[in-house]
Protein backbone atom coordinates (compact mmCIF):
# COMPACT_ATOMS: atom_id res chain seq x y z
CA MET A 1 -61.75 30.75 11.06
CA ASN A 2 -58.11 30.23 12.08
CA ARG A 3 -57.81 33.11 14.41
CA ASP A 4 -58.92 31.43 17.74
CA VAL A 5 -59.37 27.63 17.15
CA GLU A 6 -56.40 26.11 19.25
CA GLN A 7 -56.26 26.32 22.91
CA TRP A 8 -52.41 25.22 23.69
CA ARG A 9 -49.16 26.75 22.70
CA VAL A 10 -46.95 24.63 21.42
CA SER A 11 -42.65 24.90 21.05
CA LYS A 12 -39.57 23.22 20.52
CA ARG A 13 -36.31 22.87 21.46
CA ALA A 14 -33.13 23.15 19.60
CA VAL A 15 -30.78 19.90 19.23
CA ALA A 16 -27.10 20.30 20.00
CA SER A 17 -24.01 18.81 19.10
CA GLU A 18 -20.44 19.87 18.41
CA GLY A 19 -20.66 16.29 16.02
CA GLY A 20 -23.03 18.49 13.64
CA VAL A 21 -27.31 18.08 13.15
CA VAL A 22 -29.76 17.05 10.50
CA ALA A 23 -32.78 18.85 10.66
CA ALA A 24 -35.98 17.63 9.00
CA GLN A 25 -39.59 17.35 8.06
CA HIS A 26 -39.76 14.00 9.96
CA VAL A 27 -37.25 13.03 12.56
CA LEU A 28 -36.61 9.55 10.71
CA ALA A 29 -35.41 11.09 8.32
CA ALA A 30 -33.30 13.45 10.29
CA ARG A 31 -31.83 10.52 12.47
CA ALA A 32 -30.73 8.71 9.09
CA GLY A 33 -29.35 11.80 8.07
CA ALA A 34 -27.54 12.57 10.98
CA SER A 35 -26.16 8.50 11.26
CA MET A 36 -24.11 9.08 8.09
CA LEU A 37 -22.13 11.80 10.20
CA ASP A 38 -21.75 9.47 13.21
CA ALA A 39 -20.42 7.01 10.11
CA GLY A 40 -17.51 9.34 9.27
CA GLY A 41 -19.52 11.23 6.36
CA ASN A 42 -20.10 14.98 6.00
CA ALA A 43 -22.76 17.41 5.82
CA VAL A 44 -23.53 16.65 2.52
CA ASP A 45 -23.72 12.66 2.63
CA ALA A 46 -26.14 13.68 5.54
CA ALA A 47 -28.32 15.41 3.73
CA VAL A 48 -28.87 12.94 0.67
CA ALA A 49 -28.98 10.13 3.20
CA CYS A 50 -31.91 12.25 4.77
CA ALA A 51 -33.48 13.17 1.53
CA PHE A 52 -33.60 9.64 0.13
CA ALA A 53 -35.53 8.58 3.99
CA LEU A 54 -37.90 11.12 3.56
CA ALA A 55 -39.40 9.01 0.30
CA ALA A 56 -40.17 6.39 2.68
CA VAL A 57 -41.29 8.18 5.89
CA GLU A 58 -42.99 12.11 4.21
CA PRO A 59 -44.05 10.62 0.28
CA TRP A 60 -46.99 12.79 0.65
CA MET A 61 -43.95 15.81 -0.19
CA CYS A 62 -41.33 14.06 -1.87
CA GLY A 63 -39.28 11.21 -3.38
CA LEU A 64 -37.43 9.91 -5.88
CA GLY A 65 -40.10 11.26 -8.51
CA GLY A 66 -39.62 14.64 -7.55
CA SER A 67 -37.06 17.88 -8.09
CA GLY A 68 -35.67 20.58 -6.20
CA TYR A 69 -32.55 22.44 -5.50
CA MET A 70 -29.23 21.36 -3.06
CA VAL A 71 -27.14 24.54 -1.92
CA VAL A 72 -23.96 23.36 -0.65
CA TRP A 73 -21.44 25.47 1.58
CA LYS A 74 -18.05 23.83 1.45
CA ALA A 75 -15.98 25.06 5.16
CA ALA A 76 -12.41 24.23 3.65
CA GLU A 77 -12.78 26.08 0.17
CA LYS A 78 -15.05 28.91 1.46
CA ARG A 79 -17.39 28.51 -1.78
CA SER A 80 -21.28 27.73 -2.37
CA TRP A 81 -22.88 25.79 -5.23
CA VAL A 82 -26.11 25.00 -6.48
CA LEU A 83 -27.55 21.78 -7.95
CA ASP A 84 -30.58 22.72 -9.78
CA PHE A 85 -32.37 19.22 -10.46
CA GLN A 86 -35.43 20.95 -11.39
CA GLY A 87 -38.31 18.74 -13.23
CA MET A 88 -38.25 18.63 -17.02
CA LEU A 89 -41.54 18.68 -19.57
CA PRO A 90 -40.86 15.66 -22.05
CA ALA A 91 -39.83 16.06 -25.58
CA ALA A 92 -43.45 15.48 -27.06
CA ILE A 93 -45.33 17.59 -24.49
CA ASP A 94 -48.23 18.64 -26.38
CA PRO A 95 -50.75 21.63 -25.04
CA ALA A 96 -53.63 20.20 -26.60
CA ASP A 97 -53.58 16.88 -24.32
CA TYR A 98 -54.62 20.05 -21.65
CA PRO A 99 -57.59 21.32 -22.73
CA VAL A 100 -59.14 24.46 -20.51
CA ASP A 101 -62.04 23.56 -19.42
CA PRO A 102 -64.06 26.21 -17.38
CA ALA A 103 -65.64 23.65 -15.07
CA VAL A 104 -62.51 22.97 -13.82
CA PRO A 105 -61.34 25.41 -10.81
CA ALA A 106 -57.96 26.92 -11.50
CA SER A 107 -54.67 25.21 -10.55
CA ILE A 108 -52.33 26.20 -7.76
CA MET A 109 -50.35 28.17 -10.08
CA GLY A 110 -53.20 30.15 -11.24
CA PHE A 111 -53.49 28.92 -14.58
CA PRO A 112 -56.91 27.77 -16.19
CA GLY A 113 -58.58 24.51 -15.13
CA VAL A 114 -57.76 21.63 -17.54
CA LEU A 115 -60.36 18.64 -18.54
CA ASP A 116 -60.17 16.14 -15.95
CA ARG A 117 -57.15 18.34 -14.14
CA ARG A 118 -55.18 16.27 -16.39
CA ASN A 119 -52.12 18.38 -15.67
CA ILE A 120 -52.62 17.88 -11.31
CA VAL A 121 -53.31 14.12 -11.20
CA GLY A 122 -51.77 11.28 -13.23
CA HIS A 123 -49.64 10.21 -15.39
CA ARG A 124 -49.81 13.47 -17.81
CA ALA A 125 -49.07 15.64 -15.13
CA ILE A 126 -45.81 14.08 -14.33
CA THR A 127 -42.11 16.08 -15.72
CA VAL A 128 -38.93 14.03 -15.91
CA PRO A 129 -37.89 13.71 -12.23
CA GLY A 130 -34.65 14.96 -11.30
CA ALA A 131 -34.04 14.35 -7.80
CA VAL A 132 -32.39 10.96 -7.59
CA ARG A 133 -29.41 12.52 -10.23
CA GLY A 134 -29.53 15.97 -8.31
CA LEU A 135 -28.98 14.01 -4.82
CA SER A 136 -26.44 11.28 -6.41
CA GLN A 137 -24.82 14.27 -7.97
CA GLY A 138 -24.10 15.82 -4.50
CA SER A 139 -23.43 12.64 -3.32
CA SER A 140 -20.36 11.98 -5.92
CA ARG A 141 -19.33 15.91 -5.96
CA PHE A 142 -19.40 17.03 -2.07
CA GLY A 143 -19.74 13.84 -0.02
CA ARG A 144 -17.41 11.10 1.62
CA LEU A 145 -19.13 8.18 1.91
CA PRO A 146 -19.90 5.31 -0.50
CA TRP A 147 -23.37 5.60 -2.38
CA ASP A 148 -24.66 2.32 -1.01
CA ARG A 149 -23.59 3.06 2.62
CA VAL A 150 -25.91 6.52 2.17
CA LEU A 151 -29.01 4.55 1.09
CA GLU A 152 -28.86 2.26 4.04
CA PRO A 153 -31.23 3.68 6.26
CA ALA A 154 -33.99 4.62 3.19
CA ILE A 155 -33.94 1.09 2.53
CA ALA A 156 -34.42 0.00 6.18
CA LEU A 157 -37.06 2.35 6.40
CA ALA A 158 -38.67 1.61 3.25
CA ARG A 159 -37.84 -2.06 3.78
CA ARG A 160 -40.31 -1.77 7.09
CA GLY A 161 -43.06 0.38 5.57
CA LEU A 162 -44.64 3.29 6.09
CA PRO A 163 -45.13 4.74 9.80
CA VAL A 164 -48.66 5.38 9.97
CA ASP A 165 -49.66 7.95 13.08
CA TRP A 166 -52.53 10.74 12.81
CA PHE A 167 -50.26 13.00 11.07
CA ALA A 168 -49.91 10.44 8.30
CA THR A 169 -53.90 9.45 7.99
CA LEU A 170 -54.10 13.40 7.80
CA GLN A 171 -52.19 13.69 4.91
CA ILE A 172 -53.39 10.50 3.24
CA ALA A 173 -57.38 11.76 3.91
CA LEU A 174 -56.29 15.23 2.15
CA ALA A 175 -55.78 13.29 -0.90
CA ALA A 176 -57.75 10.46 -1.02
CA ALA A 177 -60.07 11.57 -3.66
CA ASP A 178 -57.04 11.58 -6.33
CA LEU A 179 -55.18 8.52 -4.52
CA ALA A 180 -58.28 6.05 -4.96
CA ARG A 181 -57.97 7.07 -8.69
CA ASP A 182 -54.74 5.09 -9.03
CA PRO A 183 -54.40 1.37 -8.44
CA MET A 184 -50.98 1.37 -6.89
CA ALA A 185 -51.28 4.48 -4.54
CA ALA A 186 -54.89 3.05 -3.63
CA SER A 187 -53.71 -0.02 -1.99
CA ILE A 188 -51.01 1.32 -0.10
CA PHE A 189 -52.14 4.33 1.52
CA LEU A 190 -55.96 3.18 1.10
CA PRO A 191 -56.72 -0.37 2.50
CA ASN A 192 -60.04 -1.39 2.34
CA GLY A 193 -60.88 1.98 0.39
CA ALA A 194 -60.59 3.93 3.46
CA PRO A 195 -57.56 6.16 4.51
CA ALA A 196 -54.69 4.19 6.25
CA GLN A 197 -55.52 4.81 10.33
CA PRO A 198 -52.53 5.20 12.34
CA GLU A 199 -50.72 2.11 14.33
CA GLN A 200 -49.53 0.41 11.64
CA PHE A 201 -47.24 -0.20 8.77
CA ARG A 202 -48.30 0.08 4.80
CA PRO A 203 -45.73 -2.60 2.54
CA MET A 204 -43.61 -0.18 0.28
CA ALA A 205 -41.66 -3.61 -1.25
CA ALA A 206 -41.53 -2.26 -4.43
CA LEU A 207 -39.92 1.02 -3.20
CA ALA A 208 -37.15 -0.91 -1.13
CA ARG A 209 -36.48 -3.19 -4.32
CA THR A 210 -36.11 0.10 -6.20
CA LEU A 211 -33.52 1.84 -3.62
CA GLU A 212 -31.68 -1.73 -3.39
CA THR A 213 -31.26 -1.55 -7.00
CA LEU A 214 -29.90 2.22 -6.62
CA ALA A 215 -27.49 0.85 -4.20
CA SER A 216 -26.51 -2.33 -5.70
CA ASP A 217 -26.15 -0.60 -9.73
CA GLY A 218 -25.56 3.57 -9.04
CA PRO A 219 -28.04 6.15 -9.37
CA ASP A 220 -27.37 5.74 -13.48
CA THR A 221 -29.51 3.16 -13.78
CA PHE A 222 -32.62 5.72 -12.99
CA TYR A 223 -32.27 7.11 -16.30
CA THR A 224 -30.37 4.68 -18.85
CA GLY A 225 -30.85 1.35 -17.18
CA PRO A 226 -33.21 -1.23 -16.24
CA LEU A 227 -34.64 0.82 -13.41
CA ALA A 228 -35.30 3.64 -16.63
CA GLU A 229 -37.00 1.28 -18.71
CA ALA A 230 -39.34 -0.43 -15.80
CA ILE A 231 -40.12 3.59 -15.44
CA ILE A 232 -40.88 3.98 -19.21
CA ARG A 233 -43.19 1.07 -19.00
CA ASP A 234 -45.44 1.93 -16.17
CA LEU A 235 -45.29 6.15 -17.76
CA GLU A 236 -46.48 4.61 -21.13
CA ALA A 237 -49.06 2.89 -20.00
CA GLY A 238 -50.78 5.72 -18.05
CA GLY A 239 -50.24 7.88 -20.65
CA SER A 240 -47.80 10.20 -20.03
CA ARG A 241 -45.79 11.41 -23.02
CA ILE A 242 -41.82 11.22 -21.39
CA ASP A 243 -39.87 8.62 -23.15
CA GLY A 244 -36.18 6.89 -22.65
CA ASP A 245 -34.61 9.77 -24.85
CA ASP A 246 -36.19 12.10 -22.20
CA LEU A 247 -35.27 10.39 -18.84
CA ALA A 248 -31.48 9.64 -20.64
CA SER A 249 -30.89 13.57 -21.49
CA TYR A 250 -32.15 14.83 -18.10
CA ALA A 251 -28.82 16.62 -16.26
CA VAL A 252 -28.36 18.36 -13.02
CA LEU A 253 -27.65 22.44 -13.69
CA GLU A 254 -24.24 22.93 -11.41
CA HIS A 255 -23.56 26.56 -10.83
CA GLU A 256 -22.31 29.08 -8.04
CA ALA A 257 -24.71 29.93 -5.63
CA LEU A 258 -26.45 33.34 -6.21
CA THR A 259 -24.65 35.59 -3.18
CA GLY A 260 -26.31 38.56 -1.62
CA THR A 261 -26.01 40.53 1.46
CA HIS A 262 -27.51 41.47 4.49
CA ARG A 263 -25.64 44.00 6.40
CA ASP A 264 -22.89 42.11 7.43
CA ALA A 265 -23.74 38.42 6.17
CA ALA A 266 -23.53 36.76 2.51
CA LEU A 267 -26.89 35.02 1.66
CA HIS A 268 -26.17 31.95 -0.75
CA THR A 269 -29.14 30.74 -2.18
CA ALA A 270 -30.31 28.50 -5.08
CA GLY A 271 -30.65 30.59 -8.04
CA PRO A 272 -32.62 33.09 -10.63
CA THR A 273 -35.37 30.38 -10.89
CA SER A 274 -36.07 29.84 -7.31
CA GLY A 275 -37.15 32.38 -4.47
CA GLY A 276 -33.75 33.18 -3.76
CA PRO A 277 -33.77 36.45 -5.63
CA ARG A 278 -36.87 37.72 -3.81
CA LEU A 279 -35.21 36.66 -0.57
CA ILE A 280 -32.26 38.94 -1.35
CA GLU A 281 -34.50 41.75 -2.62
CA THR A 282 -36.62 41.68 0.66
CA LEU A 283 -33.83 41.58 2.37
CA ALA A 284 -32.23 44.70 0.90
CA HIS A 285 -35.35 46.63 1.31
CA ILE A 286 -35.49 45.44 5.11
CA GLU A 287 -31.63 47.29 5.34
CA ARG A 288 -32.61 50.27 3.96
CA HIS A 289 -35.49 50.83 5.89
CA LEU A 290 -34.80 49.58 9.36
CA ASP A 291 -32.70 50.23 12.13
CA PRO A 292 -32.31 46.96 13.88
CA SER A 293 -31.42 49.13 17.06
CA GLU A 294 -35.28 50.35 17.13
CA GLY A 295 -35.19 46.34 18.29
CA ILE A 296 -38.49 43.75 17.66
CA GLY A 297 -41.67 45.80 17.43
CA ALA A 298 -44.89 46.78 14.98
CA ARG A 299 -42.26 49.02 13.32
CA SER A 300 -39.72 45.96 11.93
CA TRP A 301 -43.03 44.47 11.34
CA LYS A 302 -44.23 46.80 9.21
CA VAL A 303 -41.14 47.05 7.68
CA TYR A 304 -41.00 42.71 6.78
CA ALA A 305 -44.38 43.12 5.35
CA ASP A 306 -43.45 46.48 2.84
CA ALA A 307 -40.50 44.81 2.06
CA LEU A 308 -42.32 40.54 1.08
CA ASN A 309 -45.06 42.60 -0.54
CA ALA A 310 -42.35 45.08 -2.60
CA ALA A 311 -40.25 41.74 -4.00
CA TRP A 312 -43.26 39.64 -4.96
CA LYS A 313 -45.18 42.86 -6.64
CA SER A 314 -41.57 42.96 -9.29
CA HIS A 315 -41.80 38.95 -9.20
CA LYS A 316 -45.10 38.73 -10.59
CA ALA A 317 -44.34 41.79 -13.13
CA ARG A 318 -41.19 39.58 -14.10
CA ILE A 319 -42.62 36.17 -14.50
CA GLY A 320 -46.10 37.54 -15.76
CA ARG A 321 -48.33 34.95 -14.03
CA THR A 322 -50.10 34.66 -10.55
CA THR A 323 -47.68 32.56 -8.33
CA GLU A 324 -48.54 29.02 -6.51
CA LYS A 325 -51.24 29.46 -4.27
CA GLY A 326 -50.45 26.01 -2.20
CA GLY A 327 -48.19 22.87 -2.28
CA CYS A 328 -46.22 20.52 -0.49
CA THR A 329 -42.79 19.67 -0.22
CA SER A 330 -39.87 19.47 1.81
CA HIS A 331 -37.07 20.97 3.21
CA LEU A 332 -33.92 19.57 5.48
CA SER A 333 -30.85 21.59 6.43
CA ALA A 334 -27.17 19.76 7.99
CA VAL A 335 -24.12 21.01 9.63
CA ASP A 336 -21.38 19.01 9.98
CA ALA A 337 -18.32 19.95 12.62
CA GLU A 338 -15.99 21.14 9.97
CA GLY A 339 -18.61 23.53 9.21
CA ASN A 340 -19.93 22.24 5.72
CA MET A 341 -23.47 22.79 6.00
CA VAL A 342 -26.48 21.80 3.01
CA ALA A 343 -29.84 23.62 2.74
CA LEU A 344 -32.26 21.07 0.51
CA THR A 345 -35.64 21.48 -0.64
CA TYR A 346 -37.31 19.04 -2.79
CA THR A 347 -40.71 18.43 -4.06
CA LEU A 348 -43.70 16.41 -5.79
CA LEU A 349 -45.57 19.85 -5.57
CA ASN A 350 -49.27 18.76 -4.69
CA ARG A 351 -49.62 16.27 -1.81
CA PHE A 352 -48.35 13.20 -3.18
CA GLY A 353 -47.57 14.83 -6.27
CA SER A 354 -49.61 13.71 -9.39
CA CYS A 355 -50.86 10.71 -6.99
CA ALA A 356 -49.86 8.21 -9.28
CA MET A 357 -47.62 5.48 -8.34
CA LEU A 358 -45.18 3.59 -10.86
CA PRO A 359 -46.52 -0.32 -9.78
CA GLU A 360 -42.84 -1.55 -10.86
CA THR A 361 -40.68 0.70 -9.01
CA GLY A 362 -43.18 1.87 -6.41
CA ILE A 363 -42.12 5.76 -7.32
CA LEU A 364 -45.14 8.72 -6.22
CA MET A 365 -44.65 10.31 -9.31
CA ASN A 366 -44.58 14.26 -9.35
CA ASN A 367 -46.83 16.59 -10.83
CA ALA A 368 -45.24 19.75 -12.30
CA VAL A 369 -46.51 19.90 -15.47
CA SER A 370 -48.83 22.11 -13.64
CA TYR A 371 -45.93 24.84 -13.36
CA PHE A 372 -46.44 24.82 -16.70
CA ASP A 373 -48.86 26.86 -18.62
CA MET A 374 -50.97 25.58 -21.56
CA ARG A 375 -51.73 28.81 -23.42
CA PRO A 376 -48.84 30.03 -25.56
CA GLY A 377 -46.43 33.52 -24.92
CA PHE A 378 -46.29 32.79 -21.27
CA PRO A 379 -42.65 32.56 -19.69
CA THR A 380 -43.94 29.66 -18.22
CA SER A 381 -45.69 28.16 -21.61
CA MET A 382 -45.53 24.53 -22.46
CA GLN A 383 -42.29 23.59 -24.37
CA GLY A 384 -40.47 20.25 -25.18
CA ARG A 385 -37.66 19.28 -22.56
CA LYS A 386 -38.24 23.09 -20.80
CA ARG A 387 -36.98 23.01 -17.19
CA ILE A 388 -39.15 24.40 -14.48
CA ASN A 389 -38.25 28.33 -14.41
CA ALA A 390 -40.35 29.59 -11.44
CA SER A 391 -40.18 28.29 -8.28
CA ASN A 392 -40.57 29.68 -4.53
CA MET A 393 -38.26 27.07 -3.21
CA CYS A 394 -35.27 29.16 -1.36
CA PRO A 395 -33.02 26.88 0.46
CA THR A 396 -30.26 29.19 1.80
CA ILE A 397 -26.69 29.07 3.64
CA VAL A 398 -25.98 32.43 5.65
CA THR A 399 -22.04 33.34 6.09
CA ARG A 400 -20.39 35.85 7.68
CA GLU A 401 -16.32 36.24 7.14
CA ASP A 402 -16.24 33.25 5.23
CA GLU A 403 -17.98 31.20 7.99
CA ALA A 404 -20.80 29.25 8.12
CA LEU A 405 -23.81 30.98 10.27
CA PHE A 406 -26.78 28.94 9.64
CA ALA A 407 -28.74 27.70 7.20
CA VAL A 408 -32.37 27.39 6.60
CA GLY A 409 -35.66 26.92 4.00
CA ALA A 410 -38.95 25.46 4.14
CA SER A 411 -41.80 24.36 2.54
CA GLY A 412 -45.10 25.56 1.84
CA ALA A 413 -45.27 27.25 -2.01
CA ASN A 414 -45.87 30.88 -1.56
CA TYR A 415 -45.31 30.81 2.06
CA ILE A 416 -41.28 29.59 1.84
CA MET A 417 -39.93 32.75 0.90
CA PRO A 418 -41.69 35.02 3.39
CA ALA A 419 -41.02 32.45 6.23
CA THR A 420 -37.29 31.98 5.28
CA THR A 421 -36.46 35.56 4.92
CA GLN A 422 -38.08 36.69 8.32
CA ILE A 423 -36.18 33.41 10.24
CA ALA A 424 -33.12 35.06 8.37
CA ALA A 425 -33.58 38.53 9.36
CA LEU A 426 -34.63 37.96 12.83
CA MET A 427 -30.90 36.09 13.55
CA ILE A 428 -29.32 38.87 11.46
CA ASP A 429 -30.66 42.03 12.25
CA PHE A 430 -31.45 41.60 15.93
CA GLY A 431 -29.32 38.28 17.00
CA LEU A 432 -31.78 35.48 17.73
CA ASP A 433 -30.50 32.50 18.07
CA LEU A 434 -32.26 29.70 15.55
CA GLU A 435 -34.13 28.26 18.18
CA ALA A 436 -35.55 31.73 19.31
CA ALA A 437 -36.11 33.17 15.80
CA PHE A 438 -38.29 29.71 14.76
CA ASN A 439 -40.35 29.54 18.03
CA HIS A 440 -40.85 33.52 17.08
CA PRO A 441 -43.89 34.21 15.80
CA ARG A 442 -43.97 35.74 12.14
CA LEU A 443 -46.32 37.39 9.18
CA ASP A 444 -46.97 36.30 5.96
CA ALA A 445 -47.16 38.52 3.00
CA SER A 446 -46.84 38.10 -0.50
CA ASP A 447 -48.43 40.98 -2.45
CA ARG A 448 -52.47 39.73 -2.27
CA GLY A 449 -53.57 42.86 -1.16
CA SER A 450 -53.95 41.54 2.79
CA ILE A 451 -51.27 40.34 4.78
CA ARG A 452 -51.66 37.24 7.50
CA VAL A 453 -50.49 37.74 10.94
CA ASP A 454 -49.98 35.40 14.27
CA PRO A 455 -51.88 36.94 16.75
CA ARG A 456 -49.29 35.79 18.98
CA LEU A 457 -47.36 38.84 18.28
CA GLY A 458 -49.62 41.01 20.46
CA PRO A 459 -52.34 43.31 20.37
CA GLU A 460 -49.83 46.29 19.89
CA VAL A 461 -48.50 45.09 17.19
CA VAL A 462 -51.43 43.63 15.62
CA SER A 463 -53.05 47.25 15.60
CA ALA A 464 -50.27 48.90 14.67
CA LEU A 465 -50.55 47.37 11.30
CA SER A 466 -53.67 47.26 11.03
CA ARG A 467 -53.79 51.13 10.42
CA ASP A 468 -51.55 49.97 7.71
CA PHE A 469 -52.57 47.12 6.10
CA GLU A 470 -56.13 44.69 5.48
CA LEU A 471 -55.09 41.71 7.98
CA GLU A 472 -55.64 38.26 8.17
CA LEU A 473 -55.84 37.01 11.53
CA ALA A 474 -54.58 33.04 11.79
CA GLN A 475 -52.79 30.76 14.36
CA LEU A 476 -49.76 28.89 13.84
CA LEU A 477 -51.64 25.23 13.06
CA VAL A 478 -50.74 22.09 11.96
CA PHE A 479 -53.40 22.26 9.34
CA PRO A 480 -53.43 24.19 7.48
CA LYS A 481 -49.75 25.48 7.42
CA LEU A 482 -50.29 29.03 7.06
CA TYR A 483 -46.77 30.11 7.65
CA ALA A 484 -44.88 27.53 5.82
CA CYS A 485 -42.67 24.53 7.76
CA PRO A 486 -39.19 25.62 8.04
CA SER A 487 -36.14 23.67 8.86
CA GLY A 488 -32.45 24.82 9.90
CA VAL A 489 -29.70 24.64 11.35
CA ALA A 490 -26.43 26.67 12.73
CA ARG A 491 -23.05 26.47 13.91
CA ASP A 492 -20.91 28.91 16.36
CA PRO A 493 -18.09 29.35 14.48
CA ALA A 494 -16.38 30.37 17.70
CA THR A 495 -17.28 26.98 20.06
CA GLY A 496 -17.90 24.93 17.14
CA LEU A 497 -21.49 24.20 18.45
CA CYS A 498 -24.20 22.89 16.21
CA THR A 499 -27.99 23.28 16.65
CA GLY A 500 -30.78 22.02 14.68
CA ILE A 501 -34.82 22.41 14.82
CA ASN A 502 -37.54 22.12 12.94
CA ASP A 503 -41.00 23.94 12.27
CA PRO A 504 -42.70 23.89 15.97
CA SER A 505 -46.38 23.37 14.62
CA GLN A 506 -44.85 19.99 12.59
CA PRO A 507 -45.69 17.33 14.93
CA ILE A 508 -43.77 14.71 13.03
CA GLY A 509 -40.49 16.68 12.25
CA GLY A 510 -37.38 17.14 14.28
CA ALA A 511 -33.39 17.54 14.10
CA ALA A 512 -31.24 14.63 15.21
CA ALA A 513 -27.21 14.43 16.36
CA PRO A 514 -24.77 11.84 15.41
CA ALA A 515 -26.06 8.57 16.38
CA PRO A 516 -26.07 5.20 14.72
CA PHE A 517 -29.53 4.61 12.72
CA VAL A 518 -32.12 2.71 15.13
CA LEU A 519 -34.84 1.45 13.37
CA GLU A 520 -37.64 0.10 15.92
CA ASP A 521 -41.11 -0.76 16.31
CA SER A 522 -43.61 -2.63 18.54
CA SER A 523 -43.74 -5.95 16.34
CA ALA A 524 -40.07 -6.21 15.41
CA PRO A 525 -36.67 -6.59 16.63
CA SER A 526 -34.74 -3.28 16.80
CA VAL A 527 -32.41 -2.80 13.25
CA VAL A 528 -29.47 -1.06 14.29
CA VAL A 529 -27.78 0.20 10.85
CA ARG A 530 -24.08 0.80 11.84
CA PRO A 531 -21.18 1.84 9.76
């Protein structure tokens, strides 16, 4: 039904600056990150500031209660690192808490439905969140600015409240039934029992206080201090098995990036538990089967589809199960004038995560228990303190001759790896710049028996692909996002010019160049956050 619905054509221009750029799924968060570059910070400072800001402007996708990966390229050292801050099950996790109910549909991970959807909605769906420890470790290890300075834009945004536009109303409406189950979440997002309407700010005072405490007391308070105690009180009251020892024991996994090659470029991605291995495998297949001199056409798209299907097939065999069918995540990318780059993807998993908002702290919590199988004997079966070990996220930085060229990643569950891989391939194989690659139509393939094709590829390509594949013709839409939601930055090593862009079909996403962070609304004086 998405073949010929919308009668417009949308595209985006890349933002360019010699001082660096930040690209994100919400332009206010991108501006928050870019203000760190203006204050003398580097790409890591910008990425961390942007990530925290997203908690206040894109809470349906990510936040302090989430988890993910950060890939960092340090230009001076010509090295890449990964910070893996994926969620962890509590030590006392008990599969008996999640009885299979045949009347409940399978989860987005393909696991059997659970009684009352306990693995998806509510406090029993929550894993120990790694976002605060992961982002703070990135800041302390690779950043340049003080921790409290990096949090200033997010605090300002949370104090003002969630800006509600039509896109926010859509996101709230899609999760309204589950948000209504939680009194705190309902009070914020469902005033008078209905999704918040545009042209207002919804209060986020508790989240603002939490961010202020993090800024003043440091990030460890989230895991072992007063904030941790408040978090545990709310979790226990809601029936979660997470306790103080679980929070205190959480650690970020830091290691060198998983690195592959494609033609003359190096690919630095998140690691074996991410979508990175599939990205590298797909690009290796493309290199073996495609001569770029043939140009972009039916032949190249067939090779891309074959490569994606092959990588997904081997992935499913490795993990012994089906994969994520949907999900809500956020990706941001940052670059600075020195050539440092960050690709950062983090998530609450489902839209608004577990839809449980902790009253004392205002934190929306993940529902990553649904990443795990309540049945024994599988690689993803539940086990105390087990970390998420099979993700689609694949934040990636591409270098050539030890110079960072671009950083890219996406949100969108199964759609993430195909989108990220094709953008990288279009840029490496055919020399497209960042703006052209993001605006170019793509396909989607994940070994599901058919491939999805954007009709903008043209009738000749569509006809040729139909001879080899069962096709789903589907437009690039605001919703549903059938081709993922990528964000990327690039830098020309010869000129130092940096560019950034977000998915053309994401109405609130964008990129920003270095500038002071200015918070404006129609009812209050402008607030300028300066160095």
